[in-house]
């Protein structure tokens, strides 16, 4: 379940997180990202990756994966994020500046896949790894199945599973 408050795991008290947002004190978020760099050599967070909205407010765009964070910047649509348990709605107006938190020496990067989607050949979509047999055979396919199906209907093809597998 997404937790929309990006500071919640670092500071459990609601009064403190509200104060931190009011004062723009986001040092703890940078410490969390730096700890990733110290442990893994890079920022390893792949989901709930914090973004700064309008050069001021930090938010968690969950359930949006890190791969899609750049698409939030200057987006033409109104972006809405709901937090049902907290009875809150977070909104980012159209054409708002949204940047992922990073460091000068460790800039924000999305994961780059070595191969395109096995079904539609897309090189720009986020891919899921799928185990295709009990021998450990794997392939990567678009996470957005509707996008993948639309591309395939338009005639785009990927390399597929290989000779011993069929695309269903």
Protein backbone atom coordinates (compact mmCIF):
# COMPACT_ATOMS: atom_id res chain seq x y z
CA UNK A 1 0.00 0.00 0.00
CA UNK A 2 1.53 3.34 -0.99
CA UNK A 3 2.35 5.77 1.79
CA UNK A 4 2.16 9.27 0.28
CA UNK A 5 4.20 10.98 3.00
CA UNK A 6 7.84 10.65 1.89
CA UNK A 7 9.14 11.46 5.37
CA UNK A 8 6.99 8.87 7.18
CA UNK A 9 9.67 6.16 7.35
CA UNK A 10 12.24 8.69 8.52
CA UNK A 11 10.03 10.59 10.98
CA UNK A 12 6.88 8.81 12.22
CA UNK A 13 5.30 11.83 13.95
CA UNK A 14 2.79 13.69 11.77
CA UNK A 15 3.42 16.96 13.62
CA UNK A 16 7.12 16.77 12.77
CA UNK A 17 6.63 15.89 9.10
CA UNK A 18 4.23 18.81 8.71
CA UNK A 19 6.77 21.13 10.34
CA UNK A 20 9.51 19.81 8.06
CA UNK A 21 7.36 20.46 4.97
CA UNK A 22 6.45 23.95 6.20
CA UNK A 23 10.12 24.82 6.68
CA UNK A 24 11.32 22.96 3.60
CA UNK A 25 13.63 20.81 5.72
CA UNK A 26 14.31 17.82 3.51
CA UNK A 27 17.80 16.93 4.65
CA UNK A 28 16.59 13.55 5.94
CA UNK A 29 15.49 12.59 2.43
CA UNK A 30 18.96 13.35 1.09
CA UNK A 31 20.51 11.33 3.93
CA UNK A 32 18.31 8.37 2.97
CA UNK A 33 19.42 8.63 -0.68
CA UNK A 34 23.06 9.03 0.40
CA UNK A 35 22.79 5.86 2.50
CA UNK A 36 21.76 4.04 -0.70
CA UNK A 37 24.89 5.36 -2.42
CA UNK A 38 27.09 4.32 0.52
CA UNK A 39 25.61 0.79 0.56
CA UNK A 40 25.12 0.10 -3.15
CA UNK A 41 27.27 2.62 -5.02
CA UNK A 42 24.16 4.21 -6.53
CA UNK A 43 20.67 5.29 -5.50
CA UNK A 44 18.93 1.92 -5.36
CA UNK A 45 15.38 3.13 -4.68
CA UNK A 46 13.16 1.91 -7.55
CA UNK A 47 9.69 2.90 -6.38
CA UNK A 48 8.36 5.68 -4.13
CA UNK A 49 11.32 7.73 -5.37
CA UNK A 50 10.91 11.25 -3.93
CA UNK A 51 10.36 14.23 -6.20
CA UNK A 52 10.50 17.97 -5.62
CA UNK A 53 7.43 19.79 -6.91
CA UNK A 54 7.65 23.40 -8.07
CA UNK A 55 11.17 23.65 -6.59
CA UNK A 56 9.68 23.59 -3.09
CA UNK A 57 7.68 20.58 -1.86
CA UNK A 58 8.91 17.00 -1.63
CA UNK A 59 6.40 14.25 -2.27
CA UNK A 60 6.24 10.52 -2.87
CA UNK A 61 4.67 9.90 -6.30
CA UNK A 62 3.84 6.29 -5.42
CA UNK A 63 2.56 4.14 -7.08
CA UNK A 64 4.43 5.72 -10.00
CA UNK A 65 7.71 3.80 -10.49
CA UNK A 66 11.00 5.68 -10.57
CA UNK A 67 11.18 4.95 -14.31
CA UNK A 68 8.20 7.28 -14.91
CA UNK A 69 9.29 10.18 -12.66
CA UNK A 70 10.69 12.21 -15.60
CA UNK A 71 7.27 12.07 -17.30
CA UNK A 72 5.78 14.02 -14.40
CA UNK A 73 7.78 17.16 -15.23
CA UNK A 74 5.80 19.73 -17.24
CA UNK A 75 3.04 17.15 -17.77
CA UNK A 76 -0.01 18.50 -19.61
CA UNK A 77 -2.41 16.61 -17.34
CA UNK A 78 -3.53 17.25 -13.79
CA UNK A 79 -1.80 14.55 -11.74
CA UNK A 80 -3.76 13.20 -8.77
CA UNK A 81 -2.43 10.93 -6.04
CA UNK A 82 -4.85 9.53 -3.49
CA UNK A 83 -4.17 8.46 0.08
CA UNK A 84 -7.36 6.70 1.13
CA UNK A 85 -6.32 5.84 4.67
CA UNK A 86 -5.29 9.41 5.33
CA UNK A 87 -8.32 10.79 3.46
CA UNK A 88 -6.10 13.04 1.36
CA UNK A 89 -5.65 13.83 -2.28
CA UNK A 90 -2.37 15.21 -3.56
CA UNK A 91 -2.48 17.13 -6.83
CA UNK A 92 0.18 18.43 -9.20
CA UNK A 93 -1.20 21.06 -11.58
CA UNK A 94 -0.48 20.85 -15.32
CA UNK A 95 2.90 22.17 -16.52
CA UNK A 96 4.44 22.11 -13.04
CA UNK A 97 8.17 21.59 -12.61
CA UNK A 98 8.81 18.17 -11.04
CA UNK A 99 12.35 16.89 -10.45
CA UNK A 100 13.58 13.72 -8.80
CA UNK A 101 15.89 14.25 -5.83
CA UNK A 102 19.53 13.52 -6.58
CA UNK A 103 23.09 14.76 -6.06
CA UNK A 104 25.46 16.53 -8.45
CA UNK A 105 27.86 13.58 -8.39
CA UNK A 106 25.03 10.99 -8.48
CA UNK A 107 22.38 12.40 -10.83
CA UNK A 108 18.95 10.83 -11.09
CA UNK A 109 18.86 7.95 -13.57
CA UNK A 110 16.18 5.54 -14.63
CA UNK A 111 17.04 1.89 -15.12
CA UNK A 112 18.24 1.09 -18.62
CA UNK A 113 17.40 -2.32 -20.02
CA UNK A 114 19.88 -4.24 -22.17
CA UNK A 115 17.24 -5.35 -24.67
CA UNK A 116 13.87 -4.11 -25.93
CA UNK A 117 10.51 -5.69 -25.08
CA UNK A 118 10.43 -9.28 -26.35
CA UNK A 119 6.86 -8.87 -27.60
CA UNK A 120 6.62 -5.41 -29.18
CA UNK A 121 10.25 -4.27 -29.42
CA UNK A 122 9.75 -1.08 -27.38
CA UNK A 123 13.01 0.48 -26.21
CA UNK A 124 11.35 3.23 -24.17
CA UNK A 125 8.95 1.43 -21.82
CA UNK A 126 9.57 -0.06 -18.40
CA UNK A 127 10.07 -3.81 -18.64
CA UNK A 128 9.07 -6.65 -16.33
CA UNK A 129 11.11 -9.84 -16.16
CA UNK A 130 9.00 -12.93 -16.89
CA UNK A 131 10.12 -16.52 -16.26
CA UNK A 132 8.97 -18.49 -19.30
CA UNK A 133 9.84 -22.08 -18.40
CA UNK A 134 10.99 -24.32 -15.56
CA UNK A 135 14.59 -24.21 -16.81
CA UNK A 136 14.93 -20.56 -15.82
CA UNK A 137 14.30 -19.11 -19.27
CA UNK A 138 13.45 -15.43 -18.98
CA UNK A 139 12.32 -12.56 -21.14
CA UNK A 140 11.54 -8.90 -20.59
CA UNK A 141 8.17 -7.46 -21.59
CA UNK A 142 6.46 -4.08 -21.24
CA UNK A 143 5.02 -3.50 -17.80
CA UNK A 144 2.19 -1.54 -19.46
CA UNK A 145 0.38 -4.41 -21.20
CA UNK A 146 -2.12 -2.12 -22.96
CA UNK A 147 0.73 -0.12 -24.51
CA UNK A 148 2.42 -3.36 -25.58
CA UNK A 149 -0.77 -4.77 -27.13
CA UNK A 150 -1.39 -1.50 -28.99
CA UNK A 151 2.13 -1.56 -30.43
CA UNK A 152 1.73 -5.19 -31.49
CA UNK A 153 -1.64 -4.41 -33.11
CA UNK A 154 0.15 -1.63 -35.03
CA UNK A 155 2.63 -4.19 -36.38
CA UNK A 156 5.58 -3.75 -34.00
CA UNK A 157 7.33 -6.97 -33.05
CA UNK A 158 10.02 -7.98 -30.63
CA UNK A 159 12.39 -10.92 -30.77
CA UNK A 160 9.86 -13.09 -28.91
CA UNK A 161 10.54 -16.00 -26.61
CA UNK A 162 12.74 -17.97 -28.94
CA UNK A 163 12.09 -20.97 -31.15
CA UNK A 164 10.69 -23.25 -28.44
CA UNK A 165 8.10 -20.82 -27.05
CA UNK A 166 4.96 -19.30 -28.46
CA UNK A 167 3.53 -15.86 -27.80
CA UNK A 168 -0.07 -16.26 -26.63
